[in-house]
């Protein structure tokens, strides 16, 4: 006779499949959660490392900014010191300028030119005098331009009185003294003019 199974084997098999399904589902969910957690921890560790690196770089940049500030201060002090040294050197060179000017005037004034007045204002020498001819004045200007001490000869005026017979004409001239500190200017401005 055939055996008939009257036990609820289908329900038991369904229950076993459901249990297996939920077990597999739970394992997959736990695995996915663990994987997401590990990936999150990995990227969080990288972010934390980058944040600490950024903070380290900020600290180093602040220290370098302080050093750059100190270097700027030192450069400003150096430039001020160099300006003072230039002024002292120019003052040293122009110490005997009066003697040098008179010696050079004797060299550049040709025969036929008579100086009546000489006045120094800063690094400019103003000359007044009398000339027998304009050719003598032109020769004098050429001598001044080739001089080591004088430069920029500018003839302000030549006056000749035609009402009375005169052999001489009056002239006014300005001459710059090279490398001389301007007495009326600040030392820095004088250094800039002297260095030019």
C-alpha atoms as a PDB file:
ATOM      1  CA  UNK A   1       0.000   0.000   0.000  1.00  0.00           C
ATOM      2  CA  UNK A   2       1.267   3.510  -0.804  1.00  0.00           C
ATOM      3  CA  UNK A   3       2.354   5.743   1.952  1.00  0.00           C
ATOM      4  CA  UNK A   4       0.493   8.974   2.227  1.00  0.00           C
ATOM      5  CA  UNK A   5       2.204  11.757   4.071  1.00  0.00           C
ATOM      6  CA  UNK A   6      -0.400  13.652   5.922  1.00  0.00           C
ATOM      7  CA  UNK A   7       2.079  15.919   7.725  1.00  0.00           C
ATOM      8  CA  UNK A   8       2.119  19.615   6.644  1.00  0.00           C
ATOM      9  CA  UNK A   9       5.420  19.228   4.795  1.00  0.00           C
ATOM     10  CA  UNK A  10       4.711  22.049   2.372  1.00  0.00           C
ATOM     11  CA  UNK A  11       4.282  24.558   5.181  1.00  0.00           C
ATOM     12  CA  UNK A  12       7.456  23.260   6.822  1.00  0.00           C
ATOM     13  CA  UNK A  13       9.342  23.547   3.529  1.00  0.00           C
ATOM     14  CA  UNK A  14       7.957  27.081   2.987  1.00  0.00           C
ATOM     15  CA  UNK A  15       8.933  28.044   6.502  1.00  0.00           C
ATOM     16  CA  UNK A  16      12.432  26.649   5.976  1.00  0.00           C
ATOM     17  CA  UNK A  17      12.787  28.625   2.698  1.00  0.00           C
ATOM     18  CA  UNK A  18      11.557  31.782   4.427  1.00  0.00           C
ATOM     19  CA  UNK A  19      14.038  31.292   7.257  1.00  0.00           C
ATOM     20  CA  UNK A  20      16.842  30.692   4.760  1.00  0.00           C
ATOM     21  CA  UNK A  21      15.746  33.733   2.718  1.00  0.00           C
ATOM     22  CA  UNK A  22      15.672  36.024   5.777  1.00  0.00           C
ATOM     23  CA  UNK A  23      19.021  34.631   6.932  1.00  0.00           C
ATOM     24  CA  UNK A  24      20.594  35.345   3.529  1.00  0.00           C
ATOM     25  CA  UNK A  25      18.895  38.761   3.458  1.00  0.00           C
ATOM     26  CA  UNK A  26      20.238  39.574   6.937  1.00  0.00           C
ATOM     27  CA  UNK A  27      23.765  38.449   5.943  1.00  0.00           C
ATOM     28  CA  UNK A  28      23.644  40.556   2.762  1.00  0.00           C
ATOM     29  CA  UNK A  29      22.302  43.577   4.683  1.00  0.00           C
ATOM     30  CA  UNK A  30      25.002  43.205   7.367  1.00  0.00           C
ATOM     31  CA  UNK A  31      27.672  42.792   4.686  1.00  0.00           C
ATOM     32  CA  UNK A  32      26.435  45.870   2.817  1.00  0.00           C
ATOM     33  CA  UNK A  33      26.312  47.879   6.058  1.00  0.00           C
ATOM     34  CA  UNK A  34      29.810  46.729   6.988  1.00  0.00           C
ATOM     35  CA  UNK A  35      31.099  47.608   3.519  1.00  0.00           C
ATOM     36  CA  UNK A  36      29.478  51.080   3.610  1.00  0.00           C
ATOM     37  CA  UNK A  37      30.826  51.626   7.137  1.00  0.00           C
ATOM     38  CA  UNK A  38      34.364  50.618   6.139  1.00  0.00           C
ATOM     39  CA  UNK A  39      34.294  52.806   3.017  1.00  0.00           C
ATOM     40  CA  UNK A  40      32.950  55.698   5.113  1.00  0.00           C
ATOM     41  CA  UNK A  41      35.713  55.179   7.694  1.00  0.00           C
ATOM     42  CA  UNK A  42      38.346  55.065   4.939  1.00  0.00           C
ATOM     43  CA  UNK A  43      37.200  58.353   3.398  1.00  0.00           C
ATOM     44  CA  UNK A  44      36.748  59.959   6.816  1.00  0.00           C
ATOM     45  CA  UNK A  45      40.343  59.014   7.649  1.00  0.00           C
ATOM     46  CA  UNK A  46      41.496  60.592   4.387  1.00  0.00           C
ATOM     47  CA  UNK A  47      39.478  63.759   5.082  1.00  0.00           C
ATOM     48  CA  UNK A  48      40.936  63.950   8.599  1.00  0.00           C
ATOM     49  CA  UNK A  49      44.425  63.490   7.174  1.00  0.00           C
ATOM     50  CA  UNK A  50      43.821  66.282   4.633  1.00  0.00           C
ATOM     51  CA  UNK A  51      42.422  68.577   7.351  1.00  0.00           C
ATOM     52  CA  UNK A  52      45.489  67.986   9.542  1.00  0.00           C
ATOM     53  CA  UNK A  53      47.756  68.572   6.520  1.00  0.00           C
ATOM     54  CA  UNK A  54      45.918  71.831   5.737  1.00  0.00           C
ATOM     55  CA  UNK A  55      46.326  72.964   9.340  1.00  0.00           C
ATOM     56  CA  UNK A  56      50.034  72.136   9.222  1.00  0.00           C
ATOM     57  CA  UNK A  57      50.387  74.116   5.985  1.00  0.00           C
ATOM     58  CA  UNK A  58      48.502  77.080   7.501  1.00  0.00           C
ATOM     59  CA  UNK A  59      50.876  77.088  10.479  1.00  0.00           C
ATOM     60  CA  UNK A  60      53.913  76.938   8.191  1.00  0.00           C
ATOM     61  CA  UNK A  61      52.513  79.730   6.003  1.00  0.00           C
ATOM     62  CA  UNK A  62      51.999  81.918   9.088  1.00  0.00           C
ATOM     63  CA  UNK A  63      55.605  81.321  10.137  1.00  0.00           C
ATOM     64  CA  UNK A  64      56.821  82.127   6.627  1.00  0.00           C
ATOM     65  CA  UNK A  65      54.690  85.302   6.584  1.00  0.00           C
ATOM     66  CA  UNK A  66      56.382  86.395   9.803  1.00  0.00           C
ATOM     67  CA  UNK A  67      59.789  85.724   8.262  1.00  0.00           C
ATOM     68  CA  UNK A  68      58.802  87.634   5.102  1.00  0.00           C
ATOM     69  CA  UNK A  69      57.734  90.573   7.280  1.00  0.00           C
ATOM     70  CA  UNK A  70      61.112  90.508   9.014  1.00  0.00           C
ATOM     71  CA  UNK A  71      62.877  90.369   5.642  1.00  0.00           C
ATOM     72  CA  UNK A  72      60.875  93.398   4.416  1.00  0.00           C
ATOM     73  CA  UNK A  73      61.854  95.342   7.532  1.00  0.00           C
ATOM     74  CA  UNK A  74      65.500  94.368   7.002  1.00  0.00           C
ATOM     75  CA  UNK A  75      65.319  95.405   3.338  1.00  0.00           C
ATOM     76  CA  UNK A  76      63.859  98.790   4.300  1.00  0.00           C
ATOM     77  CA  UNK A  77      66.642  99.273   6.866  1.00  0.00           C
ATOM     78  CA  UNK A  78      69.204  98.234   4.253  1.00  0.00           C
ATOM     79  CA  UNK A  79      67.835 100.726   1.703  1.00  0.00           C
ATOM     80  CA  UNK A  80      67.815 103.511   4.298  1.00  0.00           C
ATOM     81  CA  UNK A  81      71.399 102.660   5.224  1.00  0.00           C
ATOM     82  CA  UNK A  82      72.465 102.615   1.565  1.00  0.00           C
ATOM     83  CA  UNK A  83      70.884 106.060   1.073  1.00  0.00           C
ATOM     84  CA  UNK A  84      72.770 107.385   4.075  1.00  0.00           C
ATOM     85  CA  UNK A  85      76.007 105.882   2.793  1.00  0.00           C
ATOM     86  CA  UNK A  86      75.475 107.524  -0.622  1.00  0.00           C
ATOM     87  CA  UNK A  87      74.800 110.891   1.023  1.00  0.00           C
ATOM     88  CA  UNK A  88      77.916 110.563   3.189  1.00  0.00           C
ATOM     89  CA  UNK A  89      79.990 109.636   0.132  1.00  0.00           C
ATOM     90  CA  UNK A  90      78.635 112.621  -1.798  1.00  0.00           C
ATOM     91  CA  UNK A  91      79.282 114.928   1.127  1.00  0.00           C
ATOM     92  CA  UNK A  92      82.804 113.541   1.330  1.00  0.00           C
ATOM     93  CA  UNK A  93      83.308 114.206  -2.398  1.00  0.00           C
ATOM     94  CA  UNK A  94      81.840 117.701  -2.139  1.00  0.00           C
ATOM     95  CA  UNK A  95      83.831 118.648   0.958  1.00  0.00           C
ATOM     96  CA  UNK A  96      86.367 120.714  -0.968  1.00  0.00           C
ATOM     97  CA  UNK A  97      83.932 121.833  -3.649  1.00  0.00           C
ATOM     98  CA  UNK A  98      84.692 125.537  -3.238  1.00  0.00           C
ATOM     99  CA  UNK A  99      88.335 125.056  -4.123  1.00  0.00           C
ATOM    100  CA  UNK A 100      87.456 122.672  -6.937  1.00  0.00           C
ATOM    101  CA  UNK A 101      84.905 125.121  -8.389  1.00  0.00           C
ATOM    102  CA  UNK A 102      87.350 128.026  -8.398  1.00  0.00           C
ATOM    103  CA  UNK A 103      90.052 125.859  -9.945  1.00  0.00           C
ATOM    104  CA  UNK A 104      87.673 124.618 -12.660  1.00  0.00           C
ATOM    105  CA  UNK A 105      86.344 128.153 -13.332  1.00  0.00           C
ATOM    106  CA  UNK A 106      89.903 129.264 -13.999  1.00  0.00           C
ATOM    107  CA  UNK A 107      90.198 126.455 -16.570  1.00  0.00           C
ATOM    108  CA  UNK A 108      86.902 126.995 -18.436  1.00  0.00           C
ATOM    109  CA  UNK A 109      86.778 130.811 -18.632  1.00  0.00           C
ATOM    110  CA  UNK A 110      88.586 131.847 -21.829  1.00  0.00           C
ATOM    111  CA  UNK A 111      90.274 135.144 -22.532  1.00  0.00           C
ATOM    112  CA  UNK A 112      87.729 137.835 -23.340  1.00  0.00           C
ATOM    113  CA  UNK A 113      85.275 136.737 -20.584  1.00  0.00           C
ATOM    114  CA  UNK A 114      85.262 138.619 -17.285  1.00  0.00           C
ATOM    115  CA  UNK A 115      83.247 137.287 -14.363  1.00  0.00           C
ATOM    116  CA  UNK A 116      81.760 139.946 -12.101  1.00  0.00           C
ATOM    117  CA  UNK A 117      79.616 137.786  -9.821  1.00  0.00           C
ATOM    118  CA  UNK A 118      79.444 134.116  -8.880  1.00  0.00           C
ATOM    119  CA  UNK A 119      76.740 132.671  -6.607  1.00  0.00           C
ATOM    120  CA  UNK A 120      76.147 129.072  -5.541  1.00  0.00           C
ATOM    121  CA  UNK A 121      72.566 127.941  -4.823  1.00  0.00           C
ATOM    122  CA  UNK A 122      72.346 124.248  -3.983  1.00  0.00           C
ATOM    123  CA  UNK A 123      74.198 122.450  -6.754  1.00  0.00           C
ATOM    124  CA  UNK A 124      73.745 125.312  -9.229  1.00  0.00           C
ATOM    125  CA  UNK A 125      76.342 127.980  -9.882  1.00  0.00           C
ATOM    126  CA  UNK A 126      75.023 131.306 -11.216  1.00  0.00           C
ATOM    127  CA  UNK A 127      77.560 133.341 -13.138  1.00  0.00           C
ATOM    128  CA  UNK A 128      77.347 136.975 -14.217  1.00  0.00           C
ATOM    129  CA  UNK A 129      79.932 138.781 -16.190  1.00  0.00           C
ATOM    130  CA  UNK A 130      80.975 140.611 -19.279  1.00  0.00           C
ATOM    131  CA  UNK A 131      82.014 139.223 -22.639  1.00  0.00           C
ATOM    132  CA  UNK A 132      83.914 140.773 -25.505  1.00  0.00           C
ATOM    133  CA  UNK A 133      82.006 138.616 -28.043  1.00  0.00           C
ATOM    134  CA  UNK A 134      79.430 135.861 -28.316  1.00  0.00           C
ATOM    135  CA  UNK A 135      82.122 133.545 -29.680  1.00  0.00           C
ATOM    136  CA  UNK A 136      83.921 133.720 -26.369  1.00  0.00           C
ATOM    137  CA  UNK A 137      80.674 132.725 -24.614  1.00  0.00           C
ATOM    138  CA  UNK A 138      80.216 129.797 -27.006  1.00  0.00           C
ATOM    139  CA  UNK A 139      83.768 128.650 -26.297  1.00  0.00           C
ATOM    140  CA  UNK A 140      83.115 128.915 -22.582  1.00  0.00           C
ATOM    141  CA  UNK A 141      79.930 126.802 -22.861  1.00  0.00           C
ATOM    142  CA  UNK A 142      81.858 124.143 -24.826  1.00  0.00           C
ATOM    143  CA  UNK A 143      84.558 124.080 -22.132  1.00  0.00           C
ATOM    144  CA  UNK A 144      81.931 123.749 -19.406  1.00  0.00           C
ATOM    145  CA  UNK A 145      80.237 120.822 -21.197  1.00  0.00           C
ATOM    146  CA  UNK A 146      83.566 118.974 -21.516  1.00  0.00           C
ATOM    147  CA  UNK A 147      84.435 119.670 -17.861  1.00  0.00           C
ATOM    148  CA  UNK A 148      84.522 116.878 -15.261  1.00  0.00           C
ATOM    149  CA  UNK A 149      82.963 119.100 -12.584  1.00  0.00           C
ATOM    150  CA  UNK A 150      80.380 121.162 -14.481  1.00  0.00           C
ATOM    151  CA  UNK A 151      77.385 120.241 -16.643  1.00  0.00           C
ATOM    152  CA  UNK A 152      74.219 121.711 -18.149  1.00  0.00           C
ATOM    153  CA  UNK A 153      75.446 125.208 -18.948  1.00  0.00           C
ATOM    154  CA  UNK A 154      72.416 127.417 -19.625  1.00  0.00           C
ATOM    155  CA  UNK A 155      72.825 130.950 -20.916  1.00  0.00           C
ATOM    156  CA  UNK A 156      70.012 133.005 -19.384  1.00  0.00           C
ATOM    157  CA  UNK A 157      70.648 136.353 -21.060  1.00  0.00           C
ATOM    158  CA  UNK A 158      73.057 138.422 -23.099  1.00  0.00           C
ATOM    159  CA  UNK A 159      72.491 142.162 -22.881  1.00  0.00           C
ATOM    160  CA  UNK A 160      74.318 144.590 -25.034  1.00  0.00           C
ATOM    161  CA  UNK A 161      73.610 148.294 -24.666  1.00  0.00           C
ATOM    162  CA  UNK A 162      73.563 149.798 -28.146  1.00  0.00           C
ATOM    163  CA  UNK A 163      72.821 153.348 -27.043  1.00  0.00           C
ATOM    164  CA  UNK A 164      76.291 153.816 -25.743  1.00  0.00           C
ATOM    165  CA  UNK A 165      79.237 152.400 -27.560  1.00  0.00           C
ATOM    166  CA  UNK A 166      80.452 149.453 -25.547  1.00  0.00           C
ATOM    167  CA  UNK A 167      82.835 146.717 -26.384  1.00  0.00           C
ATOM    168  CA  UNK A 168      81.451 144.415 -23.707  1.00  0.00           C
ATOM    169  CA  UNK A 169      78.035 142.785 -23.312  1.00  0.00           C
ATOM    170  CA  UNK A 170      76.588 141.559 -20.013  1.00  0.00           C
ATOM    171  CA  UNK A 171      75.583 137.909 -19.632  1.00  0.00           C
ATOM    172  CA  UNK A 172      73.990 135.623 -17.050  1.00  0.00           C
ATOM    173  CA  UNK A 173      74.574 131.898 -17.031  1.00  0.00           C
ATOM    174  CA  UNK A 174      73.603 128.889 -14.880  1.00  0.00           C
ATOM    175  CA  UNK A 175      75.855 125.834 -14.475  1.00  0.00           C
ATOM    176  CA  UNK A 176      75.148 122.616 -12.558  1.00  0.00           C
ATOM    177  CA  UNK A 177      77.892 121.150 -10.383  1.00  0.00           C
ATOM    178  CA  UNK A 178      78.095 117.373 -10.939  1.00  0.00           C
ATOM    179  CA  UNK A 179      77.832 114.961  -8.005  1.00  0.00           C
ATOM    180  CA  UNK A 180      77.092 117.682  -5.462  1.00  0.00           C
ATOM    181  CA  UNK A 181      74.366 117.298  -2.844  1.00  0.00           C
ATOM    182  CA  UNK A 182      71.734 120.016  -3.138  1.00  0.00           C
ATOM    183  CA  UNK A 183      72.005 122.055   0.071  1.00  0.00           C
ATOM    184  CA  UNK A 184      68.368 123.155  -0.032  1.00  0.00           C
ATOM    185  CA  UNK A 185      66.918 119.686  -0.598  1.00  0.00           C
ATOM    186  CA  UNK A 186      66.441 116.720   1.721  1.00  0.00           C
ATOM    187  CA  UNK A 187      69.368 114.273   1.918  1.00  0.00           C
ATOM    188  CA  UNK A 188      67.354 111.581   0.069  1.00  0.00           C
ATOM    189  CA  UNK A 189      66.476 113.962  -2.772  1.00  0.00           C
ATOM    190  CA  UNK A 190      70.090 115.081  -2.898  1.00  0.00           C
ATOM    191  CA  UNK A 191      71.216 111.472  -3.098  1.00  0.00           C
ATOM    192  CA  UNK A 192      68.835 110.855  -5.991  1.00  0.00           C
ATOM    193  CA  UNK A 193      70.082 113.951  -7.830  1.00  0.00           C
ATOM    194  CA  UNK A 194      73.702 113.151  -7.140  1.00  0.00           C
ATOM    195  CA  UNK A 195      73.293 109.571  -8.332  1.00  0.00           C
ATOM    196  CA  UNK A 196      71.637 110.678 -11.585  1.00  0.00           C
END
